[in-house]
N, C-alpha and C. Protein backbone atom coordinates (compact mmCIF):
# COMPACT_ATOMS: atom_id res chain seq x y z
N MET A 1 167.62 164.53 126.07
CA MET A 1 167.50 165.29 127.33
C MET A 1 168.83 165.95 127.67
N GLN A 2 168.77 167.24 127.93
CA GLN A 2 169.96 168.00 128.30
C GLN A 2 170.15 167.96 129.81
N HIS A 3 171.33 167.57 130.22
CA HIS A 3 171.63 167.52 131.65
C HIS A 3 172.43 168.76 132.04
N SER A 4 172.28 169.20 133.30
CA SER A 4 172.97 170.38 133.77
C SER A 4 174.47 170.12 133.85
N LEU A 5 175.23 171.19 133.82
CA LEU A 5 176.69 171.07 133.92
C LEU A 5 177.08 170.46 135.26
N LEU A 6 176.32 170.75 136.30
CA LEU A 6 176.62 170.18 137.61
C LEU A 6 176.48 168.66 137.57
N LYS A 7 175.40 168.17 136.97
CA LYS A 7 175.20 166.72 136.87
C LYS A 7 176.30 166.07 136.03
N LYS A 8 176.66 166.73 134.95
CA LYS A 8 177.73 166.20 134.10
C LYS A 8 179.05 166.12 134.87
N SER A 9 179.32 167.17 135.64
CA SER A 9 180.57 167.22 136.40
C SER A 9 180.59 166.15 137.49
N ILE A 10 179.45 165.93 138.12
CA ILE A 10 179.37 164.89 139.15
C ILE A 10 179.64 163.52 138.54
N VAL A 11 179.06 163.27 137.37
CA VAL A 11 179.29 161.99 136.69
C VAL A 11 180.76 161.84 136.31
N GLU A 12 181.38 162.93 135.86
CA GLU A 12 182.80 162.86 135.51
C GLU A 12 183.66 162.59 136.74
N ALA A 13 183.32 163.22 137.86
CA ALA A 13 184.09 163.00 139.09
C ALA A 13 183.93 161.56 139.57
N LEU A 14 182.70 161.07 139.61
CA LEU A 14 182.46 159.70 140.07
C LEU A 14 183.06 158.68 139.10
N GLY A 15 182.94 158.96 137.80
CA GLY A 15 183.50 158.06 136.80
C GLY A 15 185.01 157.99 136.87
N THR A 16 185.64 159.15 137.08
CA THR A 16 187.10 159.18 137.19
C THR A 16 187.54 158.47 138.46
N PHE A 17 186.77 158.63 139.52
CA PHE A 17 187.05 157.90 140.76
C PHE A 17 187.05 156.40 140.49
N ALA A 18 186.01 155.92 139.80
CA ALA A 18 185.89 154.49 139.50
C ALA A 18 187.04 154.02 138.63
N LEU A 19 187.41 154.83 137.64
CA LEU A 19 188.52 154.47 136.75
C LEU A 19 189.82 154.34 137.51
N LEU A 20 190.15 155.34 138.33
CA LEU A 20 191.41 155.30 139.08
C LEU A 20 191.40 154.21 140.14
N PHE A 21 190.25 154.00 140.75
CA PHE A 21 190.14 152.98 141.78
C PHE A 21 190.45 151.60 141.19
N ALA A 22 189.95 151.36 139.98
CA ALA A 22 190.20 150.08 139.33
C ALA A 22 191.61 150.01 138.74
N ALA A 23 192.00 151.06 138.03
CA ALA A 23 193.28 151.04 137.30
C ALA A 23 194.47 150.92 138.23
N THR A 24 194.43 151.60 139.37
CA THR A 24 195.56 151.53 140.29
C THR A 24 195.35 150.47 141.37
N GLY A 25 194.09 150.15 141.66
CA GLY A 25 193.82 149.12 142.66
C GLY A 25 194.37 147.77 142.25
N VAL A 26 194.24 147.42 140.96
CA VAL A 26 194.75 146.12 140.50
C VAL A 26 196.28 146.08 140.51
N ILE A 27 196.89 147.25 140.47
CA ILE A 27 198.36 147.30 140.54
C ILE A 27 198.82 147.17 141.99
N ILE A 28 198.16 147.89 142.89
CA ILE A 28 198.56 147.88 144.29
C ILE A 28 198.35 146.52 144.94
N ASN A 29 197.24 145.84 144.60
CA ASN A 29 197.00 144.55 145.26
C ASN A 29 197.84 143.42 144.69
N LYS A 30 198.50 143.67 143.57
CA LYS A 30 199.47 142.74 142.97
C LYS A 30 198.89 141.34 142.72
N SER A 31 197.59 141.27 142.44
CA SER A 31 196.96 139.98 142.19
C SER A 31 196.78 139.68 140.70
N PHE A 32 197.17 140.65 139.85
CA PHE A 32 196.93 140.50 138.43
C PHE A 32 198.21 140.73 137.63
N ASP A 33 198.30 140.07 136.48
CA ASP A 33 199.41 140.30 135.58
C ASP A 33 199.05 141.45 134.64
N LEU A 34 199.83 141.65 133.58
CA LEU A 34 199.61 142.77 132.67
C LEU A 34 198.23 142.74 132.05
N LEU A 35 197.74 141.54 131.72
CA LEU A 35 196.41 141.44 131.10
C LEU A 35 195.33 141.97 132.03
N GLY A 36 195.40 141.59 133.30
CA GLY A 36 194.42 142.08 134.26
C GLY A 36 194.53 143.57 134.47
N ILE A 37 195.76 144.07 134.51
CA ILE A 37 195.99 145.51 134.69
C ILE A 37 195.44 146.29 133.50
N ALA A 38 195.50 145.70 132.31
CA ALA A 38 194.99 146.36 131.11
C ALA A 38 193.47 146.30 131.02
N LEU A 39 192.91 145.15 131.39
CA LEU A 39 191.47 144.96 131.24
C LEU A 39 190.66 145.74 132.26
N ALA A 40 191.18 145.90 133.47
CA ALA A 40 190.40 146.56 134.53
C ALA A 40 189.92 147.95 134.12
N PRO A 41 190.80 148.86 133.72
CA PRO A 41 190.30 150.19 133.32
C PRO A 41 189.46 150.15 132.07
N GLY A 42 189.79 149.26 131.13
CA GLY A 42 189.01 149.16 129.90
C GLY A 42 187.57 148.73 130.19
N ILE A 43 187.41 147.77 131.08
CA ILE A 43 186.07 147.29 131.44
C ILE A 43 185.29 148.37 132.17
N VAL A 44 185.95 149.06 133.09
CA VAL A 44 185.27 150.12 133.85
C VAL A 44 184.77 151.21 132.91
N VAL A 45 185.61 151.64 131.97
CA VAL A 45 185.20 152.69 131.04
C VAL A 45 184.05 152.21 130.16
N ALA A 46 184.10 150.97 129.70
CA ALA A 46 183.01 150.43 128.89
C ALA A 46 181.69 150.45 129.66
N ILE A 47 181.74 150.03 130.92
CA ILE A 47 180.54 150.03 131.75
C ILE A 47 180.00 151.44 131.95
N LEU A 48 180.90 152.38 132.21
CA LEU A 48 180.48 153.76 132.44
C LEU A 48 179.88 154.38 131.18
N ILE A 49 180.41 154.05 130.01
CA ILE A 49 179.84 154.57 128.77
C ILE A 49 178.41 154.06 128.59
N VAL A 50 178.19 152.78 128.89
CA VAL A 50 176.86 152.19 128.77
C VAL A 50 175.88 152.82 129.75
N THR A 51 176.32 153.01 130.99
CA THR A 51 175.41 153.46 132.04
C THR A 51 175.26 154.97 132.13
N SER A 52 176.33 155.71 131.82
CA SER A 52 176.30 157.16 132.06
C SER A 52 176.77 158.00 130.88
N GLY A 53 177.05 157.36 129.77
CA GLY A 53 177.52 158.10 128.60
C GLY A 53 176.54 159.14 128.12
N HIS A 54 175.24 158.90 128.32
CA HIS A 54 174.22 159.84 127.87
C HIS A 54 174.17 161.10 128.72
N ILE A 55 174.85 161.08 129.86
CA ILE A 55 174.84 162.26 130.73
C ILE A 55 176.03 163.17 130.45
N SER A 56 177.23 162.63 130.56
CA SER A 56 178.42 163.48 130.42
C SER A 56 179.26 163.16 129.20
N GLY A 57 178.99 162.02 128.56
CA GLY A 57 179.85 161.59 127.47
C GLY A 57 180.98 160.71 127.94
N ILE A 58 181.21 160.67 129.25
CA ILE A 58 182.25 159.87 129.89
C ILE A 58 183.62 160.14 129.26
N HIS A 59 184.18 161.29 129.60
CA HIS A 59 185.53 161.64 129.16
C HIS A 59 186.56 161.04 130.11
N LEU A 60 186.46 161.37 131.40
CA LEU A 60 187.32 160.83 132.46
C LEU A 60 188.80 161.11 132.20
N ASN A 61 189.09 162.05 131.34
CA ASN A 61 190.45 162.28 130.87
C ASN A 61 190.56 163.70 130.36
N PRO A 62 191.39 164.55 130.97
CA PRO A 62 191.53 165.93 130.50
C PRO A 62 191.94 166.05 129.04
N ALA A 63 192.72 165.08 128.55
CA ALA A 63 193.14 165.11 127.15
C ALA A 63 191.95 164.91 126.23
N VAL A 64 191.05 164.02 126.59
CA VAL A 64 189.84 163.79 125.79
C VAL A 64 188.97 165.04 125.82
N SER A 65 188.78 165.63 126.99
CA SER A 65 187.99 166.85 127.09
C SER A 65 188.63 167.98 126.30
N PHE A 66 189.95 168.06 126.31
CA PHE A 66 190.66 169.08 125.55
C PHE A 66 190.40 168.91 124.06
N ALA A 67 190.39 167.67 123.61
CA ALA A 67 190.10 167.40 122.20
C ALA A 67 188.69 167.85 121.84
N PHE A 68 187.72 167.58 122.72
CA PHE A 68 186.35 168.01 122.48
C PHE A 68 186.25 169.53 122.47
N LEU A 69 187.03 170.20 123.32
CA LEU A 69 187.06 171.66 123.34
C LEU A 69 187.60 172.20 122.02
N LEU A 70 188.71 171.65 121.56
CA LEU A 70 189.31 172.11 120.30
C LEU A 70 188.40 171.84 119.11
N ALA A 71 187.65 170.76 119.19
CA ALA A 71 186.72 170.42 118.11
C ALA A 71 185.40 171.17 118.22
N LYS A 72 185.31 172.03 119.23
CA LYS A 72 184.12 172.84 119.47
C LYS A 72 182.89 171.98 119.78
N LYS A 73 183.14 170.88 120.49
CA LYS A 73 182.07 170.01 120.93
C LYS A 73 181.71 170.26 122.38
N MET A 74 182.43 171.17 123.02
CA MET A 74 182.08 171.60 124.37
C MET A 74 182.58 173.03 124.57
N THR A 75 181.97 173.74 125.48
CA THR A 75 182.34 175.13 125.73
C THR A 75 183.51 175.20 126.71
N PRO A 76 184.21 176.34 126.77
CA PRO A 76 185.28 176.49 127.75
C PRO A 76 184.80 176.25 129.18
N ASN A 77 183.60 176.72 129.51
CA ASN A 77 183.07 176.50 130.86
C ASN A 77 182.90 175.01 131.15
N GLU A 78 182.38 174.28 130.17
CA GLU A 78 182.22 172.84 130.34
C GLU A 78 183.58 172.16 130.49
N PHE A 79 184.54 172.60 129.69
CA PHE A 79 185.87 172.00 129.75
C PHE A 79 186.49 172.17 131.13
N PHE A 80 186.44 173.37 131.68
CA PHE A 80 187.05 173.60 132.99
C PHE A 80 186.28 172.88 134.10
N ALA A 81 184.98 172.78 133.97
CA ALA A 81 184.20 172.02 134.96
C ALA A 81 184.57 170.54 134.92
N TYR A 82 184.71 170.00 133.72
CA TYR A 82 185.12 168.60 133.57
C TYR A 82 186.53 168.40 134.14
N LEU A 83 187.41 169.35 133.85
CA LEU A 83 188.79 169.25 134.30
C LEU A 83 188.86 169.17 135.82
N VAL A 84 188.17 170.07 136.48
CA VAL A 84 188.16 170.08 137.95
C VAL A 84 187.57 168.77 138.48
N ALA A 85 186.48 168.33 137.89
CA ALA A 85 185.83 167.10 138.35
C ALA A 85 186.75 165.89 138.19
N GLN A 86 187.45 165.83 137.07
CA GLN A 86 188.35 164.70 136.81
C GLN A 86 189.51 164.66 137.79
N PHE A 87 190.11 165.80 138.06
CA PHE A 87 191.22 165.84 139.01
C PHE A 87 190.76 165.51 140.42
N ILE A 88 189.58 165.99 140.79
CA ILE A 88 189.05 165.68 142.13
C ILE A 88 188.77 164.19 142.25
N GLY A 89 188.13 163.62 141.25
CA GLY A 89 187.82 162.19 141.27
C GLY A 89 189.06 161.33 141.35
N ALA A 90 190.09 161.71 140.60
CA ALA A 90 191.34 160.95 140.60
C ALA A 90 192.04 161.03 141.95
N ALA A 91 192.09 162.21 142.52
CA ALA A 91 192.74 162.38 143.82
C ALA A 91 191.99 161.61 144.91
N ALA A 92 190.67 161.68 144.89
CA ALA A 92 189.87 160.99 145.90
C ALA A 92 190.08 159.48 145.83
N ALA A 93 190.12 158.94 144.62
CA ALA A 93 190.33 157.49 144.46
C ALA A 93 191.70 157.07 144.97
N SER A 94 192.70 157.86 144.67
CA SER A 94 194.06 157.50 145.06
C SER A 94 194.25 157.55 146.57
N PHE A 95 193.67 158.55 147.22
CA PHE A 95 193.77 158.62 148.68
C PHE A 95 192.93 157.53 149.34
N ALA A 96 191.83 157.16 148.70
CA ALA A 96 191.01 156.07 149.23
C ALA A 96 191.80 154.76 149.20
N LEU A 97 192.52 154.53 148.12
CA LEU A 97 193.33 153.31 148.02
C LEU A 97 194.46 153.31 149.04
N ARG A 98 195.04 154.48 149.28
CA ARG A 98 196.10 154.57 150.29
C ARG A 98 195.57 154.22 151.66
N SER A 99 194.34 154.63 151.94
CA SER A 99 193.76 154.33 153.26
C SER A 99 193.40 152.85 153.38
N ILE A 100 193.10 152.21 152.27
CA ILE A 100 192.73 150.79 152.29
C ILE A 100 193.96 149.90 152.40
N TYR A 101 194.97 150.18 151.58
CA TYR A 101 196.13 149.29 151.50
C TYR A 101 197.28 149.68 152.42
N THR A 102 197.23 150.84 153.02
CA THR A 102 198.28 151.40 153.87
C THR A 102 199.48 151.81 153.05
N GLU A 103 200.23 152.74 153.59
CA GLU A 103 201.37 153.30 152.87
C GLU A 103 202.43 152.26 152.56
N SER A 104 202.68 151.35 153.49
CA SER A 104 203.74 150.36 153.28
C SER A 104 203.43 149.43 152.12
N VAL A 105 202.17 149.08 151.96
CA VAL A 105 201.77 148.20 150.84
C VAL A 105 201.80 148.98 149.53
N ALA A 106 201.20 150.16 149.53
CA ALA A 106 201.11 150.96 148.31
C ALA A 106 202.49 151.39 147.80
N SER A 107 203.41 151.64 148.72
CA SER A 107 204.72 152.14 148.31
C SER A 107 205.54 151.11 147.54
N VAL A 108 205.22 149.84 147.69
CA VAL A 108 205.95 148.79 146.97
C VAL A 108 205.81 148.99 145.47
N VAL A 109 204.65 149.45 145.02
CA VAL A 109 204.43 149.70 143.59
C VAL A 109 204.25 151.20 143.35
N ARG A 110 204.84 151.99 144.26
CA ARG A 110 204.80 153.46 144.12
C ARG A 110 203.38 153.98 143.94
N ASN A 111 202.47 153.38 144.68
CA ASN A 111 201.08 153.83 144.70
C ASN A 111 200.37 153.65 143.35
N GLY A 112 200.98 152.87 142.47
CA GLY A 112 200.38 152.64 141.15
C GLY A 112 200.64 153.74 140.16
N VAL A 113 201.53 154.66 140.48
CA VAL A 113 201.81 155.77 139.58
C VAL A 113 202.56 155.27 138.34
N ASN A 114 202.29 155.88 137.20
CA ASN A 114 202.97 155.52 135.96
C ASN A 114 204.43 155.95 136.02
N THR A 115 205.33 155.08 135.58
CA THR A 115 206.76 155.40 135.57
C THR A 115 207.40 154.85 134.31
N LEU A 116 208.54 155.43 133.96
CA LEU A 116 209.29 154.95 132.80
C LEU A 116 210.11 153.73 133.19
N ALA A 117 210.16 152.76 132.30
CA ALA A 117 210.97 151.57 132.55
C ALA A 117 212.44 151.95 132.52
N PRO A 118 213.28 151.25 133.26
CA PRO A 118 214.73 151.53 133.24
C PRO A 118 215.26 151.50 131.81
N GLY A 119 216.04 152.50 131.46
CA GLY A 119 216.61 152.57 130.12
C GLY A 119 215.75 153.29 129.10
N THR A 120 214.52 153.65 129.48
CA THR A 120 213.64 154.38 128.58
C THR A 120 213.88 155.87 128.73
N SER A 121 214.19 156.55 127.65
CA SER A 121 214.47 157.97 127.72
C SER A 121 213.19 158.79 127.85
N TYR A 122 213.34 160.00 128.31
CA TYR A 122 212.21 160.92 128.43
C TYR A 122 211.56 161.15 127.08
N VAL A 123 212.38 161.34 126.05
CA VAL A 123 211.86 161.61 124.71
C VAL A 123 211.05 160.42 124.20
N THR A 124 211.56 159.23 124.40
CA THR A 124 210.84 158.03 123.97
C THR A 124 209.51 157.91 124.71
N GLY A 125 209.55 158.11 126.01
CA GLY A 125 208.33 158.04 126.80
C GLY A 125 207.32 159.10 126.38
N PHE A 126 207.80 160.30 126.11
CA PHE A 126 206.92 161.39 125.68
C PHE A 126 206.23 161.03 124.38
N ALA A 127 207.01 160.51 123.44
CA ALA A 127 206.47 160.13 122.13
C ALA A 127 205.42 159.02 122.28
N ILE A 128 205.70 158.05 123.13
CA ILE A 128 204.76 156.93 123.32
C ILE A 128 203.45 157.44 123.92
N GLU A 129 203.53 158.27 124.94
CA GLU A 129 202.31 158.77 125.57
C GLU A 129 201.51 159.64 124.61
N LEU A 130 202.21 160.40 123.79
CA LEU A 130 201.54 161.23 122.78
C LEU A 130 200.78 160.34 121.79
N VAL A 131 201.45 159.31 121.29
CA VAL A 131 200.83 158.42 120.30
C VAL A 131 199.65 157.65 120.90
N LEU A 132 199.79 157.16 122.12
CA LEU A 132 198.70 156.42 122.75
C LEU A 132 197.45 157.28 122.91
N THR A 133 197.66 158.54 123.28
CA THR A 133 196.52 159.45 123.43
C THR A 133 195.91 159.78 122.08
N PHE A 134 196.76 159.97 121.08
CA PHE A 134 196.28 160.21 119.72
C PHE A 134 195.36 159.07 119.28
N ILE A 135 195.78 157.85 119.51
CA ILE A 135 194.98 156.68 119.12
C ILE A 135 193.65 156.67 119.85
N LEU A 136 193.68 156.92 121.16
CA LEU A 136 192.45 156.92 121.95
C LEU A 136 191.47 157.96 121.45
N VAL A 137 191.94 159.18 121.23
CA VAL A 137 191.05 160.25 120.77
C VAL A 137 190.50 159.96 119.38
N MET A 138 191.32 159.42 118.50
CA MET A 138 190.84 159.07 117.17
C MET A 138 189.72 158.05 117.24
N VAL A 139 189.86 157.06 118.10
CA VAL A 139 188.82 156.05 118.25
C VAL A 139 187.55 156.67 118.81
N ILE A 140 187.68 157.51 119.84
CA ILE A 140 186.52 158.15 120.45
C ILE A 140 185.79 159.03 119.44
N PHE A 141 186.55 159.82 118.69
CA PHE A 141 185.93 160.70 117.71
C PHE A 141 185.26 159.89 116.60
N ALA A 142 185.93 158.85 116.15
CA ALA A 142 185.38 158.05 115.05
C ALA A 142 184.08 157.37 115.43
N ILE A 143 183.97 156.98 116.70
CA ILE A 143 182.80 156.24 117.13
C ILE A 143 181.72 157.13 117.74
N ALA A 144 182.12 158.29 118.28
CA ALA A 144 181.16 159.14 118.99
C ALA A 144 180.78 160.41 118.24
N ILE A 145 181.66 160.91 117.38
CA ILE A 145 181.41 162.18 116.70
C ILE A 145 181.03 161.98 115.24
N ASP A 146 181.63 160.99 114.59
CA ASP A 146 181.35 160.75 113.18
C ASP A 146 179.92 160.20 113.03
N LYS A 147 179.02 161.06 112.59
CA LYS A 147 177.61 160.70 112.49
C LYS A 147 177.35 159.68 111.39
N ASP A 148 178.33 159.49 110.50
CA ASP A 148 178.17 158.51 109.43
C ASP A 148 178.59 157.11 109.84
N ASN A 149 179.10 156.98 111.04
CA ASN A 149 179.55 155.67 111.50
C ASN A 149 178.34 154.84 111.92
N PRO A 150 178.06 153.74 111.22
CA PRO A 150 176.87 152.95 111.55
C PRO A 150 177.05 152.08 112.79
N ARG A 151 178.25 152.06 113.34
CA ARG A 151 178.52 151.19 114.48
C ARG A 151 178.77 151.98 115.77
N ALA A 152 178.10 153.12 115.89
CA ALA A 152 178.28 153.96 117.07
C ALA A 152 177.89 153.23 118.35
N SER A 153 176.98 152.27 118.25
CA SER A 153 176.54 151.53 119.44
C SER A 153 177.66 150.67 120.01
N TRP A 154 178.73 150.49 119.24
CA TRP A 154 179.87 149.71 119.70
C TRP A 154 180.88 150.55 120.48
N ALA A 155 180.53 151.78 120.78
CA ALA A 155 181.46 152.68 121.47
C ALA A 155 182.03 152.08 122.75
N PRO A 156 181.23 151.50 123.64
CA PRO A 156 181.80 150.93 124.86
C PRO A 156 182.88 149.89 124.59
N VAL A 157 182.63 149.02 123.62
CA VAL A 157 183.60 147.98 123.28
C VAL A 157 184.84 148.59 122.65
N ALA A 158 184.63 149.50 121.69
CA ALA A 158 185.76 150.09 120.97
C ALA A 158 186.68 150.87 121.90
N VAL A 159 186.10 151.72 122.73
CA VAL A 159 186.91 152.55 123.63
C VAL A 159 187.55 151.70 124.72
N GLY A 160 186.78 150.79 125.30
CA GLY A 160 187.33 149.93 126.35
C GLY A 160 188.48 149.08 125.86
N LEU A 161 188.34 148.49 124.67
CA LEU A 161 189.42 147.66 124.13
C LEU A 161 190.63 148.49 123.73
N THR A 162 190.40 149.71 123.25
CA THR A 162 191.52 150.59 122.91
C THR A 162 192.37 150.87 124.13
N ILE A 163 191.71 151.16 125.26
CA ILE A 163 192.43 151.40 126.51
C ILE A 163 193.23 150.17 126.91
N ALA A 164 192.58 149.00 126.84
CA ALA A 164 193.24 147.76 127.25
C ALA A 164 194.43 147.44 126.36
N VAL A 165 194.25 147.57 125.04
CA VAL A 165 195.34 147.26 124.11
C VAL A 165 196.50 148.24 124.27
N ASN A 166 196.20 149.52 124.47
CA ASN A 166 197.26 150.50 124.70
C ASN A 166 198.12 150.10 125.91
N ILE A 167 197.45 149.68 126.97
CA ILE A 167 198.17 149.31 128.19
C ILE A 167 198.98 148.03 127.97
N MET A 168 198.39 147.06 127.29
CA MET A 168 199.12 145.82 127.03
C MET A 168 200.35 146.07 126.16
N ALA A 169 200.23 147.00 125.22
CA ALA A 169 201.33 147.26 124.29
C ALA A 169 202.46 148.07 124.91
N MET A 170 202.12 149.10 125.68
CA MET A 170 203.14 150.03 126.16
C MET A 170 203.23 150.15 127.68
N GLY A 171 202.38 149.41 128.40
CA GLY A 171 202.42 149.47 129.86
C GLY A 171 203.79 149.18 130.44
N PRO A 172 204.50 148.17 129.95
CA PRO A 172 205.82 147.87 130.51
C PRO A 172 206.87 148.94 130.24
N ILE A 173 206.60 149.85 129.32
CA ILE A 173 207.60 150.86 128.96
C ILE A 173 207.34 152.20 129.65
N THR A 174 206.09 152.70 129.58
CA THR A 174 205.79 154.00 130.20
C THR A 174 204.72 153.91 131.28
N GLY A 175 204.15 152.75 131.47
CA GLY A 175 203.00 152.64 132.35
C GLY A 175 201.70 152.88 131.60
N ALA A 176 201.83 153.29 130.30
CA ALA A 176 200.66 153.54 129.44
C ALA A 176 199.61 154.37 130.17
N CYS A 177 199.94 155.61 130.41
CA CYS A 177 199.05 156.50 131.13
C CYS A 177 197.99 157.09 130.19
N PHE A 178 198.43 157.83 129.19
CA PHE A 178 197.61 158.58 128.21
C PHE A 178 196.40 159.25 128.85
N ASN A 179 196.57 159.70 130.07
CA ASN A 179 195.52 160.39 130.81
C ASN A 179 196.19 161.13 131.97
N PRO A 180 196.25 162.46 131.91
CA PRO A 180 196.93 163.21 132.97
C PRO A 180 196.47 162.89 134.39
N VAL A 181 195.17 162.67 134.60
CA VAL A 181 194.71 162.42 135.96
C VAL A 181 195.03 161.00 136.42
N ARG A 182 195.23 160.09 135.47
CA ARG A 182 195.63 158.73 135.85
C ARG A 182 197.01 158.77 136.51
N TRP A 183 197.86 159.69 136.07
CA TRP A 183 199.17 159.88 136.69
C TRP A 183 199.05 160.75 137.94
N PHE A 184 198.26 161.81 137.85
CA PHE A 184 198.21 162.80 138.93
C PHE A 184 197.70 162.24 140.25
N GLY A 185 196.63 161.45 140.21
CA GLY A 185 196.06 160.92 141.46
C GLY A 185 197.06 160.15 142.29
N PRO A 186 197.66 159.09 141.73
CA PRO A 186 198.67 158.33 142.48
C PRO A 186 199.90 159.16 142.85
N ALA A 187 200.28 160.08 141.97
CA ALA A 187 201.45 160.92 142.25
C ALA A 187 201.18 161.80 143.47
N LEU A 188 199.98 162.37 143.53
CA LEU A 188 199.62 163.24 144.65
C LEU A 188 199.54 162.45 145.95
N ALA A 189 198.89 161.30 145.91
CA ALA A 189 198.72 160.50 147.12
C ALA A 189 200.03 159.91 147.62
N GLY A 190 200.94 159.62 146.70
CA GLY A 190 202.19 158.99 147.09
C GLY A 190 203.38 159.92 147.12
N GLY A 191 203.23 161.11 146.56
CA GLY A 191 204.35 162.07 146.53
C GLY A 191 205.40 161.73 145.50
N TYR A 192 205.00 161.10 144.40
CA TYR A 192 205.94 160.74 143.33
C TYR A 192 205.73 161.68 142.15
N TRP A 193 206.69 162.58 141.93
CA TRP A 193 206.49 163.62 140.93
C TRP A 193 207.46 163.54 139.75
N GLU A 194 208.18 162.43 139.62
CA GLU A 194 209.14 162.32 138.52
C GLU A 194 208.40 162.33 137.16
N ASN A 195 209.04 162.98 136.20
CA ASN A 195 208.53 163.02 134.82
C ASN A 195 207.10 163.57 134.73
N SER A 196 206.81 164.53 135.60
CA SER A 196 205.45 165.09 135.62
C SER A 196 205.05 165.70 134.28
N SER A 197 205.99 166.42 133.64
CA SER A 197 205.65 167.07 132.37
C SER A 197 205.34 166.05 131.29
N LEU A 198 205.97 164.90 131.35
CA LEU A 198 205.73 163.85 130.37
C LEU A 198 204.27 163.39 130.46
N TYR A 199 203.82 163.05 131.65
CA TYR A 199 202.49 162.47 131.81
C TYR A 199 201.37 163.51 131.80
N LEU A 200 201.71 164.77 132.04
CA LEU A 200 200.70 165.81 132.01
C LEU A 200 200.58 166.48 130.64
N VAL A 201 201.70 166.63 129.95
CA VAL A 201 201.72 167.39 128.70
C VAL A 201 201.55 166.52 127.46
N ALA A 202 202.26 165.40 127.39
CA ALA A 202 202.22 164.57 126.18
C ALA A 202 200.80 164.16 125.79
N PRO A 203 199.94 163.74 126.74
CA PRO A 203 198.57 163.39 126.34
C PRO A 203 197.80 164.56 125.75
N MET A 204 198.02 165.76 126.27
CA MET A 204 197.31 166.93 125.75
C MET A 204 197.74 167.24 124.32
N ILE A 205 199.02 167.08 124.05
CA ILE A 205 199.52 167.31 122.69
C ILE A 205 198.99 166.24 121.74
N GLY A 206 199.01 165.00 122.18
CA GLY A 206 198.48 163.92 121.35
C GLY A 206 197.02 164.14 121.01
N ALA A 207 196.24 164.61 121.98
CA ALA A 207 194.82 164.89 121.75
C ALA A 207 194.65 166.05 120.76
N ALA A 208 195.48 167.08 120.92
CA ALA A 208 195.39 168.23 120.04
C ALA A 208 195.71 167.87 118.59
N ILE A 209 196.67 166.98 118.40
CA ILE A 209 197.04 166.55 117.04
C ILE A 209 195.92 165.73 116.42
N ALA A 210 195.23 164.96 117.23
CA ALA A 210 194.17 164.08 116.71
C ALA A 210 193.00 164.87 116.13
N VAL A 211 192.72 166.05 116.65
CA VAL A 211 191.54 166.81 116.22
C VAL A 211 191.61 167.20 114.74
N PRO A 212 192.64 167.92 114.28
CA PRO A 212 192.68 168.25 112.85
C PRO A 212 192.84 167.01 111.97
N PHE A 213 193.53 166.00 112.49
CA PHE A 213 193.71 164.77 111.72
C PHE A 213 192.36 164.11 111.48
N PHE A 214 191.54 164.03 112.52
CA PHE A 214 190.21 163.44 112.36
C PHE A 214 189.34 164.30 111.45
N THR A 215 189.43 165.61 111.63
CA THR A 215 188.63 166.53 110.80
C THR A 215 188.94 166.33 109.33
N TYR A 216 190.21 166.16 109.02
CA TYR A 216 190.61 165.93 107.63
C TYR A 216 190.05 164.61 107.11
N LEU A 217 190.16 163.56 107.90
CA LEU A 217 189.69 162.25 107.46
C LEU A 217 188.18 162.18 107.34
N SER A 218 187.47 162.96 108.15
CA SER A 218 186.02 162.89 108.17
C SER A 218 185.38 163.87 107.20
N SER A 219 186.19 164.60 106.43
CA SER A 219 185.65 165.54 105.45
C SER A 219 186.00 165.07 104.05
N GLY A 220 185.32 165.62 103.08
CA GLY A 220 185.59 165.22 101.70
C GLY A 220 184.34 165.38 100.86
N PRO A 221 184.40 164.94 99.61
CA PRO A 221 183.22 165.06 98.73
C PRO A 221 182.00 164.38 99.34
N GLY A 222 180.94 165.17 99.47
CA GLY A 222 179.70 164.61 99.99
C GLY A 222 179.65 164.50 101.49
N ARG A 223 180.73 164.95 102.18
CA ARG A 223 180.74 164.86 103.63
C ARG A 223 181.16 166.18 104.24
N LYS A 224 180.64 166.45 105.39
CA LYS A 224 181.03 167.63 106.14
C LYS A 224 181.35 167.20 107.55
N PRO A 225 182.50 167.60 108.07
CA PRO A 225 182.81 167.24 109.47
C PRO A 225 181.79 167.84 110.40
N GLU A 226 181.33 167.05 111.35
CA GLU A 226 180.31 167.51 112.28
C GLU A 226 180.88 168.58 113.21
């Protein structure tokens, strides 16, 4: 069943809202350690893939949508609609959290915005965010686009765990964003704009690199990239 672009965009906006609400909510309430901070967004994405993946594909990330655009799996109109929906959903979630926890509480953890750890250079942070996004897109493409993969039904687990492991591995260093709107929402609500190019640009580059890399790996004798 083909769903309209409006329905897909609504799902992306609501899904991104849920992702940001969970990902930054567990940081602001300070009730969880790194494991909880990593698992919350991973679980939310897994649930959304199961419940709504058949409607929009559950990108929730401009870098992922950009990869689908470059791979010609979505049209430019779809890409821009998803982009707008994702940014709106992220902003709405972040302002909702500010209204719940108040500015004084949220400001203690800078509204949950991703930041570089002390002593981490911009270049190092950029490289880490690029690699994390590359890994995420490779997993998504391998499980969702590769028609020869017999374990496509494991997509919710694979994608959710990839998000969680990325955060557990690099969260203490860069905040493990690998999603421009994950940074943008809290930054907008809290007014924290440091290293904006790192968190907005590095994921897009990482996604762009993943596309030809996946295409190469998924092609060969007897196979054609989808």
